[in-house]
Amino acid sequence: MNQQNSRFSRSVTAALFFLFITYVVVLLRTAYVNEDAYITMRTVDNFIHGYGMRWNVSERVQTFTHPLWFFLVTAFYFFTREAFYTLIGLSLAISFAAFYMVIIQVREHNLATLAAAAVLIFSKAFVDFSTSGLENPATHLLLACFLLLFLRNAENDTFDGRTVFLLSLISGLAALNRMDTFLFFVPVLLIVLIKDWKSGALKNVILGLLPFIAWEIFSVIYYGFPFPNTAYAKLYTGLTRIDLVEEGFIYILNSLNWDPITLLTVFAGTGLTFLRGSWKEKSIAAGVLLYIFYLIWIGGDYMSGRFFSGALLVSVILLARQLMQVELTEGLVVSALIAAAAYASPTPTLTSVSEETYSTGRTDVNGIYDLRSYYFQTSGLLYIRNGYPEPYHEWVFRGLKFKEDRKRYLIEGTIGYTGYFAGPDLFIIDPNALSDPLLARLKPVEKTTWIPGHFERAVPNGYLETLRTGSNQFEDQQLGEYYEKLSLIIRGPIFSWERFTAIWKMNTGQYDYLLEEYEKRQKETVTP
């Protein structure tokens, strides 16, 4: 019997090694960098060249949502001075580490380990955003580290001060990497605080969150606002909450259609955990549900699967822990279901790579994009074109042409590739307001259809002339007055009492009446 177990264990080890190699191959074959990543890279490049953490160098505006990822990329970019391979290399290294951190948590049970590895390899959301140039790999690694630490002593109901501090530190770093991911950790931290209140847990939680708190203080001082500009642009939609919630459910349905294994794993992992998991596992599952509820509440996103990759990783570990308690035959049935769900996707991760098998530019009727299908053939690691810039995309060449022509001002909606390759001398006004602090605070143009997360604004009359001349040229007096207050915050001397007064009034809504008057007149103008 022991010999049989030994042979089975060796077989599983061999299978695990094969799955890890498969994961490496899959990531290398699918590695790419999408256009949004270059929005961050323009700020990175400006920062390295002494312009400060700015996107348009004349304005202090935070266009990135992931300060931790920003600093990680900056550290490597300082030496490479190259974006494409830097982003892919860093993403791959962190993704391999995250995969390993998941596997070691369930390695004591052969079947659970195999199932966990298989789900991660087959999940389109996890694979697509293990590269892409966005912050997902760092989120994956931080989530895996948190769960390893929290679940290590499953039988313990309390934690020592050091463990509470480390749990809080990882949570804070995750929030620093992307603020909304903090929702994953909220139920766990609340329970830890309740259970260990008398032992000084609150002090250790606050100490752990200090890096995030420090960033928030810096953000208010330097940028003038506690949140990135993209948050103001994407959350001020002009839509009703019912419309947004409907879009949130559409985002879920899109994932179930294009990538069924991801959300099926999330539902299975959280569902089984609530049925028979420990209190620790249930608190983790509650964080997953809280995060998904938030996604629905804000209307999802236009990148299919992007915001489910973290939930998938957590749910994989939860599901694997529940599989440790089932019989072999039940486990085999689950494994078969995993394989079936993987190949129910229109573009399975193992086969959808080449131009023949992976269609270019896939979008559903609701404006949700398969991002890798849009950028893979022009920015994929498999499609290197020697002697040409990477990515090999028309927006890259437009940016290079603007740089060559010494263009100074541009109204442009696709700002990633164009902005980075045009260089720091080009000032770009983004109608989607991701990089524009004034437009981010204006009501979007009313449309019957829209792309989630991208809400176009009309450029006010006189705005471009104001930027060019440096003097107030706005046709609308109230909007011009509002911009003067905003300009003081984003362009004025950082340390001045007048600026800090404007920051306080801006963030507490004391200037909102100026925008309300402007938007009221705009509505009257377009109403017959």
Protein backbone atom coordinates (compact mmCIF):
# COMPACT_ATOMS: atom_id res chain seq x y z
CA MET A 1 0.00 0.00 0.00
CA ASN A 2 2.84 2.34 0.89
CA GLN A 3 4.50 1.58 -2.44
CA GLN A 4 1.27 2.43 -4.22
CA ASN A 5 1.00 5.73 -2.32
CA SER A 6 4.64 6.48 -3.07
CA ARG A 7 4.14 5.82 -6.78
CA PHE A 8 0.98 7.95 -6.77
CA SER A 9 2.82 10.77 -4.97
CA ARG A 10 5.67 10.66 -7.51
CA SER A 11 3.12 10.72 -10.31
CA VAL A 12 1.45 13.77 -8.82
CA THR A 13 4.83 15.51 -8.38
CA ALA A 14 5.61 14.82 -12.02
CA ALA A 15 2.17 16.11 -13.00
CA LEU A 16 2.72 19.27 -10.95
CA PHE A 17 6.08 19.88 -12.59
CA PHE A 18 4.41 19.41 -15.97
CA LEU A 19 1.64 21.86 -15.03
CA PHE A 20 4.17 24.47 -13.88
CA ILE A 21 6.07 24.14 -17.13
CA THR A 22 2.75 24.39 -18.95
CA TYR A 23 1.98 27.59 -17.05
CA VAL A 24 5.37 29.04 -17.98
CA VAL A 25 4.84 28.15 -21.64
CA VAL A 26 1.29 29.53 -21.66
CA LEU A 27 2.43 32.85 -20.18
CA LEU A 28 5.35 33.16 -22.59
CA ARG A 29 3.04 32.42 -25.52
CA THR A 30 0.35 34.86 -24.40
CA ALA A 31 2.52 37.65 -22.93
CA TYR A 32 1.59 41.09 -24.24
CA VAL A 33 1.34 44.72 -23.15
CA ASN A 34 -1.89 46.61 -23.64
CA GLU A 35 -2.30 50.28 -24.39
CA ASP A 36 -3.50 51.31 -20.93
CA ALA A 37 -0.20 50.20 -19.38
CA TYR A 38 1.57 52.94 -21.32
CA ILE A 39 -0.51 55.60 -19.56
CA THR A 40 1.47 54.68 -16.45
CA MET A 41 4.67 54.39 -18.46
CA ARG A 42 4.48 58.00 -19.60
CA THR A 43 4.42 59.11 -15.95
CA VAL A 44 7.26 56.68 -15.17
CA ASP A 45 9.34 58.11 -18.02
CA ASN A 46 8.63 61.70 -16.97
CA PHE A 47 9.53 60.87 -13.36
CA ILE A 48 12.83 59.25 -14.37
CA HIS A 49 13.71 62.29 -16.49
CA GLY A 50 13.12 64.75 -13.67
CA TYR A 51 9.66 66.10 -14.50
CA GLY A 52 8.02 64.64 -11.39
CA MET A 53 5.22 62.10 -11.14
CA ARG A 54 3.20 63.79 -13.86
CA TRP A 55 1.52 62.73 -17.08
CA ASN A 56 1.37 66.12 -18.78
CA VAL A 57 4.53 67.63 -17.36
CA SER A 58 2.98 71.02 -16.64
CA GLU A 59 0.33 69.49 -14.33
CA ARG A 60 0.49 67.43 -11.13
CA VAL A 61 -2.18 64.85 -11.98
CA GLN A 62 -2.17 61.20 -10.89
CA THR A 63 -3.21 59.16 -13.92
CA PHE A 64 -2.18 55.77 -12.48
CA THR A 65 -4.31 53.76 -10.04
CA HIS A 66 -1.47 51.62 -8.68
CA PRO A 67 1.30 53.51 -6.81
CA LEU A 68 3.03 50.31 -5.69
CA TRP A 69 3.16 48.96 -9.24
CA PHE A 70 4.30 52.39 -10.41
CA PHE A 71 7.30 52.33 -8.07
CA LEU A 72 8.14 48.70 -8.93
CA VAL A 73 8.15 49.48 -12.64
CA THR A 74 10.08 52.71 -12.07
CA ALA A 75 12.82 50.85 -10.17
CA PHE A 76 13.51 48.63 -13.18
CA TYR A 77 12.83 51.27 -15.82
CA PHE A 78 15.51 53.44 -14.21
CA PHE A 79 18.10 50.93 -15.49
CA THR A 80 16.46 49.69 -18.70
CA ARG A 81 14.95 52.94 -20.06
CA GLU A 82 12.70 50.67 -22.11
CA ALA A 83 9.02 49.92 -21.47
CA PHE A 84 8.02 46.83 -23.45
CA TYR A 85 10.43 44.19 -22.15
CA THR A 86 10.55 45.78 -18.71
CA LEU A 87 6.79 45.40 -18.25
CA ILE A 88 6.70 41.85 -19.63
CA GLY A 89 9.75 40.69 -17.67
CA LEU A 90 8.53 42.11 -14.36
CA SER A 91 5.02 40.74 -14.91
CA LEU A 92 6.30 37.27 -15.72
CA ALA A 93 8.62 37.12 -12.70
CA ILE A 94 5.90 38.19 -10.26
CA SER A 95 3.31 35.92 -11.88
CA PHE A 96 5.55 32.87 -11.53
CA ALA A 97 6.03 33.74 -7.86
CA ALA A 98 2.26 34.09 -7.34
CA PHE A 99 1.60 30.73 -9.00
CA TYR A 100 4.17 29.08 -6.72
CA MET A 101 2.68 30.74 -3.63
CA VAL A 102 -0.72 29.30 -4.48
CA ILE A 103 0.58 25.79 -5.07
CA ILE A 104 2.59 25.53 -1.84
CA GLN A 105 -0.55 26.34 0.17
CA VAL A 106 -2.34 23.19 -1.01
CA ARG A 107 0.64 20.93 -1.72
CA GLU A 108 -0.26 18.54 1.10
CA HIS A 109 -3.16 17.20 -0.92
CA ASN A 110 -2.30 15.88 -4.36
CA LEU A 111 -5.68 16.25 -6.01
CA ALA A 112 -6.28 19.74 -4.64
CA THR A 113 -2.87 20.85 -5.86
CA LEU A 114 -3.49 19.56 -9.37
CA ALA A 115 -6.93 21.17 -9.48
CA ALA A 116 -5.60 24.54 -8.31
CA ALA A 117 -2.80 24.54 -10.88
CA ALA A 118 -5.16 23.53 -13.66
CA VAL A 119 -7.70 26.27 -12.90
CA LEU A 120 -5.01 28.98 -12.92
CA ILE A 121 -3.66 27.74 -16.24
CA PHE A 122 -7.09 27.48 -17.86
CA SER A 123 -8.49 30.78 -16.55
CA LYS A 124 -8.43 33.35 -19.34
CA ALA A 125 -8.72 36.23 -16.85
CA PHE A 126 -5.78 34.99 -14.80
CA VAL A 127 -3.57 34.26 -17.82
CA ASP A 128 -4.42 37.40 -19.78
CA PHE A 129 -3.70 39.69 -16.84
CA SER A 130 -0.68 37.84 -15.54
CA THR A 131 1.04 40.00 -18.14
CA SER A 132 -0.63 42.97 -19.96
CA GLY A 133 1.56 45.53 -18.17
CA LEU A 134 -1.10 46.31 -15.56
CA GLU A 135 -0.88 45.81 -11.79
CA ASN A 136 -2.66 42.42 -11.60
CA PRO A 137 0.48 40.30 -11.02
CA ALA A 138 1.37 42.28 -7.90
CA THR A 139 -2.22 41.95 -6.65
CA HIS A 140 -2.07 38.17 -7.23
CA LEU A 141 1.17 37.82 -5.27
CA LEU A 142 -0.02 39.96 -2.36
CA LEU A 143 -3.29 38.02 -2.11
CA ALA A 144 -1.41 34.70 -2.14
CA CYS A 145 1.00 35.91 0.58
CA PHE A 146 -1.87 37.15 2.74
CA LEU A 147 -3.74 33.84 2.52
CA LEU A 148 -0.59 31.85 3.26
CA LEU A 149 0.03 33.86 6.41
CA PHE A 150 -3.61 33.95 7.54
CA LEU A 151 -4.37 30.26 6.96
CA ARG A 152 -1.01 28.87 8.10
CA ASN A 153 -2.27 28.02 11.58
CA ALA A 154 -5.87 27.19 10.83
CA GLU A 155 -6.54 25.91 14.32
CA ASN A 156 -5.56 29.19 16.03
CA ASP A 157 -8.39 31.58 16.86
CA THR A 158 -6.08 34.44 17.83
CA PHE A 159 -2.92 35.97 16.38
CA ASP A 160 0.21 37.44 17.89
CA GLY A 161 1.06 41.09 17.31
CA ARG A 162 3.64 40.35 14.62
CA THR A 163 1.15 38.33 12.55
CA VAL A 164 -1.53 41.02 12.84
CA PHE A 165 1.02 43.63 11.74
CA LEU A 166 2.09 41.54 8.72
CA LEU A 167 -1.52 40.85 7.71
CA SER A 168 -2.26 44.56 7.88
CA LEU A 169 0.95 45.44 6.03
CA ILE A 170 0.11 43.11 3.14
CA SER A 171 -3.43 44.53 3.05
CA GLY A 172 -2.06 48.06 2.96
CA LEU A 173 0.40 47.22 0.19
CA ALA A 174 -2.44 45.68 -1.80
CA ALA A 175 -4.46 48.89 -1.34
CA LEU A 176 -1.38 50.83 -2.40
CA ASN A 177 -1.21 48.62 -5.48
CA ARG A 178 -4.88 49.22 -6.23
CA MET A 179 -7.16 50.83 -3.69
CA ASP A 180 -10.33 48.81 -4.33
CA THR A 181 -8.58 45.48 -3.66
CA PHE A 182 -8.60 46.42 0.02
CA LEU A 183 -12.18 45.08 0.04
CA PHE A 184 -10.76 41.54 -0.13
CA PHE A 185 -9.17 42.06 3.28
CA VAL A 186 -11.84 44.02 5.14
CA PRO A 187 -13.78 41.06 6.65
CA VAL A 188 -10.56 39.35 7.80
CA LEU A 189 -9.16 42.49 9.40
CA LEU A 190 -12.45 43.24 11.14
CA ILE A 191 -12.60 39.75 12.63
CA VAL A 192 -8.95 39.93 13.70
CA LEU A 193 -9.64 43.27 15.39
CA ILE A 194 -12.65 41.88 17.23
CA LYS A 195 -10.88 38.71 18.34
CA ASP A 196 -7.61 40.36 19.37
CA TRP A 197 -8.86 43.78 20.48
CA LYS A 198 -7.54 43.46 24.01
CA SER A 199 -4.08 42.45 22.80
CA GLY A 200 -3.54 45.70 20.90
CA ALA A 201 -4.58 44.54 17.42
CA LEU A 202 -5.76 48.04 16.45
CA LYS A 203 -2.27 49.47 16.97
CA ASN A 204 -0.70 46.73 14.82
CA VAL A 205 -3.29 47.16 12.07
CA ILE A 206 -2.63 50.91 11.93
CA LEU A 207 1.14 50.33 11.87
CA GLY A 208 0.72 47.89 8.99
CA LEU A 209 -1.36 50.38 7.03
CA LEU A 210 1.21 53.17 7.42
CA PRO A 211 2.66 52.86 3.87
CA PHE A 212 -0.81 53.33 2.41
CA ILE A 213 -1.63 56.15 4.84
CA ALA A 214 1.67 57.85 3.98
CA TRP A 215 0.85 57.67 0.27
CA GLU A 216 -2.58 59.21 0.86
CA ILE A 217 -1.02 62.11 2.75
CA PHE A 218 1.54 62.58 -0.02
CA SER A 219 -1.21 62.37 -2.67
CA VAL A 220 -3.21 65.16 -1.07
CA ILE A 221 -0.12 67.35 -0.66
CA TYR A 222 1.41 66.72 -4.10
CA TYR A 223 -1.63 66.09 -6.33
CA GLY A 224 -4.23 67.85 -4.21
CA PHE A 225 -6.59 64.87 -4.09
CA PRO A 226 -6.74 61.55 -2.19
CA PHE A 227 -7.77 59.47 -5.22
CA PRO A 228 -6.26 59.10 -8.69
CA ASN A 229 -7.74 61.23 -11.45
CA THR A 230 -9.06 58.08 -13.16
CA ALA A 231 -11.35 57.45 -10.18
CA TYR A 232 -13.04 60.81 -10.64
CA ALA A 233 -13.33 60.23 -14.39
CA LYS A 234 -14.78 56.73 -14.12
CA LEU A 235 -17.05 57.16 -11.12
CA TYR A 236 -18.72 60.39 -12.28
CA THR A 237 -20.73 58.74 -15.02
CA GLY A 238 -23.99 60.67 -15.13
CA LEU A 239 -25.78 57.31 -15.06
CA THR A 240 -28.33 56.12 -12.55
CA ARG A 241 -27.37 53.46 -10.02
CA ILE A 242 -29.79 51.07 -11.71
CA ASP A 243 -27.98 51.52 -15.02
CA LEU A 244 -24.61 50.90 -13.37
CA VAL A 245 -25.77 47.79 -11.53
CA GLU A 246 -27.20 46.46 -14.79
CA GLU A 247 -23.81 47.03 -16.43
CA GLY A 248 -22.18 45.25 -13.51
CA PHE A 249 -24.28 42.14 -14.11
CA ILE A 250 -23.52 42.38 -17.83
CA TYR A 251 -19.82 42.32 -16.93
CA ILE A 252 -20.42 39.09 -15.01
CA LEU A 253 -22.37 37.54 -17.89
CA ASN A 254 -19.60 38.46 -20.31
CA SER A 255 -17.08 36.62 -18.14
CA LEU A 256 -19.30 33.55 -17.89
CA ASN A 257 -19.62 33.54 -21.68
CA TRP A 258 -15.99 34.18 -22.64
CA ASP A 259 -14.23 32.64 -19.64
CA PRO A 260 -16.64 30.32 -17.77
CA ILE A 261 -14.02 28.60 -15.60
CA THR A 262 -13.13 31.83 -13.78
CA LEU A 263 -16.47 32.77 -12.25
CA LEU A 264 -17.61 29.15 -11.90
CA THR A 265 -14.54 28.62 -9.73
CA VAL A 266 -15.33 31.78 -7.76
CA PHE A 267 -18.90 30.64 -7.15
CA ALA A 268 -17.84 27.07 -6.30
CA GLY A 269 -15.00 28.15 -4.02
CA THR A 270 -17.01 30.69 -2.05
CA GLY A 271 -20.18 28.56 -2.00
CA LEU A 272 -18.49 25.43 -0.64
CA THR A 273 -16.58 27.55 1.87
CA PHE A 274 -19.75 29.06 3.30
CA LEU A 275 -21.29 25.59 3.50
CA ARG A 276 -18.50 23.80 5.34
CA GLY A 277 -15.44 26.02 5.72
CA SER A 278 -13.81 27.29 8.88
CA TRP A 279 -14.40 30.81 10.19
CA LYS A 280 -11.12 31.87 8.65
CA GLU A 281 -12.10 30.54 5.24
CA LYS A 282 -15.57 32.11 5.50
CA SER A 283 -14.09 35.52 6.29
CA ILE A 284 -11.92 35.24 3.17
CA ALA A 285 -14.93 34.21 1.07
CA ALA A 286 -16.84 37.20 2.45
CA GLY A 287 -14.09 39.47 1.12
CA VAL A 288 -14.45 37.95 -2.35
CA LEU A 289 -18.21 38.55 -2.34
CA LEU A 290 -17.75 42.09 -1.02
CA TYR A 291 -15.35 42.83 -3.87
CA ILE A 292 -17.69 41.39 -6.52
CA PHE A 293 -20.61 43.35 -5.06
CA TYR A 294 -18.49 46.50 -5.42
CA LEU A 295 -17.76 45.66 -9.08
CA ILE A 296 -21.47 45.30 -9.76
CA TRP A 297 -22.21 48.53 -7.87
CA ILE A 298 -19.80 50.61 -9.99
CA GLY A 299 -20.85 49.05 -13.30
CA GLY A 300 -18.02 46.62 -14.04
CA ASP A 301 -15.37 47.54 -16.57
CA TYR A 302 -14.61 47.39 -20.26
CA MET A 303 -11.71 44.92 -19.92
CA SER A 304 -13.22 41.44 -19.86
CA GLY A 305 -12.02 39.48 -16.82
CA ARG A 306 -9.52 42.02 -15.54
CA PHE A 307 -11.20 42.53 -12.19
CA PHE A 308 -11.98 38.86 -11.63
CA SER A 309 -8.39 37.60 -11.66
CA GLY A 310 -7.78 38.38 -7.99
CA ALA A 311 -11.11 36.87 -6.94
CA LEU A 312 -10.20 33.79 -8.98
CA LEU A 313 -6.87 33.32 -7.20
CA VAL A 314 -8.48 33.57 -3.75
CA SER A 315 -11.29 31.22 -4.78
CA VAL A 316 -8.84 28.68 -6.17
CA ILE A 317 -7.23 28.38 -2.75
CA LEU A 318 -10.62 28.17 -1.02
CA LEU A 319 -11.83 25.52 -3.45
CA ALA A 320 -8.62 23.52 -3.13
CA ARG A 321 -8.96 23.50 0.66
CA GLN A 322 -12.47 22.11 0.33
CA LEU A 323 -11.29 19.47 -2.15
CA MET A 324 -8.91 18.20 0.51
CA GLN A 325 -11.97 16.81 2.28
CA VAL A 326 -13.53 14.88 -0.61
CA GLU A 327 -12.96 11.34 -1.82
CA LEU A 328 -10.82 10.59 -4.86
CA THR A 329 -13.80 9.81 -7.10
CA GLU A 330 -15.49 13.11 -6.21
CA GLY A 331 -12.26 14.91 -6.87
CA LEU A 332 -11.93 13.34 -10.28
CA VAL A 333 -15.42 14.51 -11.13
CA VAL A 334 -14.44 18.06 -10.12
CA SER A 335 -11.31 17.81 -12.24
CA ALA A 336 -13.39 16.73 -15.22
CA LEU A 337 -15.70 19.70 -14.70
CA ILE A 338 -12.67 22.02 -14.60
CA ALA A 339 -11.46 20.70 -17.95
CA ALA A 340 -14.93 20.99 -19.45
CA ALA A 341 -15.32 24.58 -18.23
CA ALA A 342 -11.86 25.45 -19.57
CA TYR A 343 -12.71 24.34 -23.07
CA ALA A 344 -16.18 25.90 -22.96
CA SER A 345 -14.42 29.22 -23.52
CA PRO A 346 -14.42 30.49 -27.14
CA THR A 347 -10.67 31.13 -26.74
CA PRO A 348 -9.04 28.52 -24.43
CA THR A 349 -5.72 29.66 -23.02
CA LEU A 350 -3.84 26.59 -24.23
CA THR A 351 -4.77 26.93 -27.88
CA SER A 352 -5.76 30.53 -28.60
CA VAL A 353 -2.49 32.18 -29.47
CA SER A 354 -1.78 32.44 -33.18
CA GLU A 355 -3.58 34.80 -35.56
CA GLU A 356 -5.39 31.82 -37.04
CA THR A 357 -6.93 30.76 -33.73
CA TYR A 358 -7.24 34.06 -31.91
CA SER A 359 -9.42 36.66 -33.61
CA THR A 360 -8.30 40.27 -33.53
CA GLY A 361 -10.41 42.96 -31.88
CA ARG A 362 -13.13 40.97 -30.11
CA THR A 363 -15.83 43.12 -28.48
CA ASP A 364 -19.29 42.17 -27.24
CA VAL A 365 -22.43 44.19 -27.93
CA ASN A 366 -22.15 45.94 -24.56
CA GLY A 367 -18.71 47.45 -25.22
CA ILE A 368 -16.68 44.93 -23.21
CA TYR A 369 -13.34 44.13 -24.84
CA ASP A 370 -11.15 41.07 -25.00
CA LEU A 371 -8.03 43.18 -24.47
CA ARG A 372 -5.51 40.54 -25.49
CA SER A 373 -7.28 40.04 -28.80
CA TYR A 374 -6.88 43.76 -29.47
CA TYR A 375 -3.19 44.06 -28.71
CA PHE A 376 -1.69 40.59 -28.96
CA GLN A 377 -0.67 40.70 -32.63
CA THR A 378 0.91 44.15 -32.23
CA SER A 379 2.36 43.92 -28.72
CA GLY A 380 2.70 40.20 -28.04
CA LEU A 381 6.03 38.67 -27.04
CA LEU A 382 5.67 36.19 -29.92
CA TYR A 383 5.42 38.96 -32.49
CA ILE A 384 8.74 40.74 -32.14
CA ARG A 385 9.68 42.65 -35.29
CA ASN A 386 13.38 43.35 -35.35
CA GLY A 387 14.25 46.90 -36.31
CA TYR A 388 10.84 48.30 -35.37
CA PRO A 389 9.54 49.82 -32.15
CA GLU A 390 7.58 47.65 -29.78
CA PRO A 391 4.63 47.64 -29.70
CA TYR A 392 4.18 47.62 -33.47
CA HIS A 393 0.97 49.64 -33.41
CA GLU A 394 -0.39 52.56 -35.43
CA TRP A 395 -0.81 54.66 -32.26
CA VAL A 396 2.88 54.15 -31.51
CA PHE A 397 3.82 55.52 -34.92
CA ARG A 398 1.38 58.42 -34.49
CA GLY A 399 3.09 59.32 -31.23
CA LEU A 400 6.53 59.14 -32.84
CA LYS A 401 5.27 61.37 -35.68
CA PHE A 402 3.96 63.94 -33.20
CA LYS A 403 7.35 63.91 -31.48
CA GLU A 404 9.16 64.38 -34.79
CA ASP A 405 6.83 67.25 -35.79
CA ARG A 406 7.24 68.86 -32.33
CA LYS A 407 3.49 69.02 -31.85
CA ARG A 408 2.58 70.81 -28.62
CA TYR A 409 -1.16 70.37 -28.01
CA LEU A 410 -3.53 67.59 -29.00
CA ILE A 411 -7.07 66.41 -28.22
CA GLU A 412 -6.74 62.62 -28.18
CA GLY A 413 -8.84 59.78 -26.74
CA THR A 414 -6.27 56.98 -27.05
CA ILE A 415 -3.57 58.30 -24.80
CA GLY A 416 -1.40 55.33 -23.79
CA TYR A 417 0.83 54.46 -26.73
CA THR A 418 0.44 57.93 -28.26
CA GLY A 419 1.34 59.80 -25.07
CA TYR A 420 4.37 57.70 -24.18
CA PHE A 421 5.97 57.72 -27.62
CA ALA A 422 5.18 61.40 -28.30
CA GLY A 423 7.37 62.34 -25.33
CA PRO A 424 6.98 64.96 -22.59
CA ASP A 425 6.67 68.02 -24.82
CA LEU A 426 3.18 67.12 -26.10
CA PHE A 427 0.24 68.21 -23.93
CA ILE A 428 -2.73 65.89 -24.49
CA ILE A 429 -6.33 66.72 -23.63
CA ASP A 430 -8.14 63.41 -23.08
CA PRO A 431 -11.91 63.58 -23.77
CA ASN A 432 -12.33 60.41 -21.68
CA ALA A 433 -10.79 62.44 -18.82
CA LEU A 434 -8.46 59.71 -17.59
CA SER A 435 -5.60 62.22 -17.56
CA ASP A 436 -7.54 65.47 -17.51
CA PRO A 437 -8.53 66.87 -14.08
CA LEU A 438 -11.04 69.42 -15.39
CA LEU A 439 -12.90 67.08 -17.75
CA ALA A 440 -12.98 64.38 -15.06
CA ARG A 441 -15.22 66.68 -13.02
CA LEU A 442 -17.60 67.51 -15.86
CA LYS A 443 -20.71 65.52 -16.67
CA PRO A 444 -20.14 63.08 -19.56
CA VAL A 445 -21.84 63.50 -22.91
CA GLU A 446 -25.20 61.73 -22.91
CA LYS A 447 -25.16 58.66 -25.17
CA THR A 448 -27.46 55.70 -25.74
CA THR A 449 -24.46 53.34 -25.63
CA TRP A 450 -21.15 53.65 -23.84
CA ILE A 451 -17.98 51.76 -23.04
CA PRO A 452 -17.86 50.89 -19.32
CA GLY A 453 -15.23 52.98 -17.57
CA HIS A 454 -14.89 55.36 -20.52
CA PHE A 455 -17.24 58.33 -20.50
CA GLU A 456 -16.52 61.02 -23.06
CA ARG A 457 -16.69 64.69 -22.11
CA ALA A 458 -17.13 67.67 -24.42
CA VAL A 459 -14.08 69.93 -24.40
CA PRO A 460 -15.33 73.34 -23.15
CA ASN A 461 -14.97 76.37 -25.36
CA GLY A 462 -11.80 78.22 -24.49
CA TYR A 463 -10.10 75.34 -22.68
CA LEU A 464 -7.47 74.70 -25.36
CA GLU A 465 -6.79 78.42 -25.72
CA THR A 466 -6.38 78.71 -21.94
CA LEU A 467 -3.78 75.96 -21.93
CA ARG A 468 -1.91 77.47 -24.86
CA THR A 469 -1.82 81.04 -23.56
CA GLY A 470 -1.71 80.45 -19.80
CA SER A 471 -4.54 82.96 -19.26
CA ASN A 472 -8.25 82.35 -18.67
CA GLN A 473 -9.95 82.12 -22.10
CA PHE A 474 -13.07 80.16 -21.07
CA GLU A 475 -16.31 81.37 -22.62
CA ASP A 476 -18.21 80.37 -19.49
CA GLN A 477 -17.27 82.62 -16.58
CA GLN A 478 -18.15 80.15 -13.81
CA LEU A 479 -16.21 77.32 -15.45
CA GLY A 480 -13.25 79.63 -15.88
CA GLU A 481 -13.40 80.52 -12.21
CA TYR A 482 -13.54 76.83 -11.26
CA TYR A 483 -10.53 76.06 -13.47
CA GLU A 484 -8.51 78.83 -11.82
CA LYS A 485 -9.04 77.12 -8.45
CA LEU A 486 -8.15 73.74 -9.97
CA SER A 487 -5.13 75.18 -11.76
CA LEU A 488 -3.82 76.58 -8.49
CA ILE A 489 -3.93 73.05 -7.06
CA ILE A 490 -2.31 71.23 -9.97
CA ARG A 491 0.06 73.95 -11.23
CA GLY A 492 0.71 76.36 -8.36
CA PRO A 493 3.54 76.19 -5.80
CA ILE A 494 3.09 73.04 -3.72
CA PHE A 495 3.59 74.64 -0.34
CA SER A 496 1.40 77.70 -0.13
CA TRP A 497 -1.44 78.55 2.21
CA GLU A 498 -3.63 79.65 -0.72
CA ARG A 499 -3.17 76.29 -2.44
CA PHE A 500 -3.92 74.25 0.68
CA THR A 501 -7.05 76.34 1.21
CA ALA A 502 -8.12 75.56 -2.36
CA ILE A 503 -7.38 71.85 -1.81
CA TRP A 504 -9.63 71.82 1.26
CA LYS A 505 -12.46 73.65 -0.46
CA MET A 506 -12.19 71.56 -3.65
CA ASN A 507 -12.28 68.25 -1.81
CA THR A 508 -15.15 69.33 0.44
CA GLY A 509 -17.28 70.42 -2.52
CA GLN A 510 -17.23 74.16 -1.83
CA TYR A 511 -16.55 74.94 -5.50
CA ASP A 512 -19.12 72.51 -6.90
CA TYR A 513 -21.71 75.27 -7.37
CA LEU A 514 -19.56 76.67 -10.18
CA LEU A 515 -19.77 73.39 -12.09
CA GLU A 516 -23.47 73.06 -11.37
CA GLU A 517 -24.12 76.49 -12.86
CA TYR A 518 -22.04 75.63 -15.93
CA GLU A 519 -23.77 72.28 -16.49
CA LYS A 520 -27.17 73.89 -15.99
CA ARG A 521 -26.44 76.39 -18.77
CA GLN A 522 -25.09 73.62 -21.00
CA LYS A 523 -28.31 71.67 -20.55
CA GLU A 524 -30.37 74.74 -21.37
CA THR A 525 -28.29 75.29 -24.50
CA VAL A 526 -28.89 71.80 -25.93
CA THR A 527 -32.55 71.57 -24.87
CA PRO A 528 -34.87 72.62 -27.74
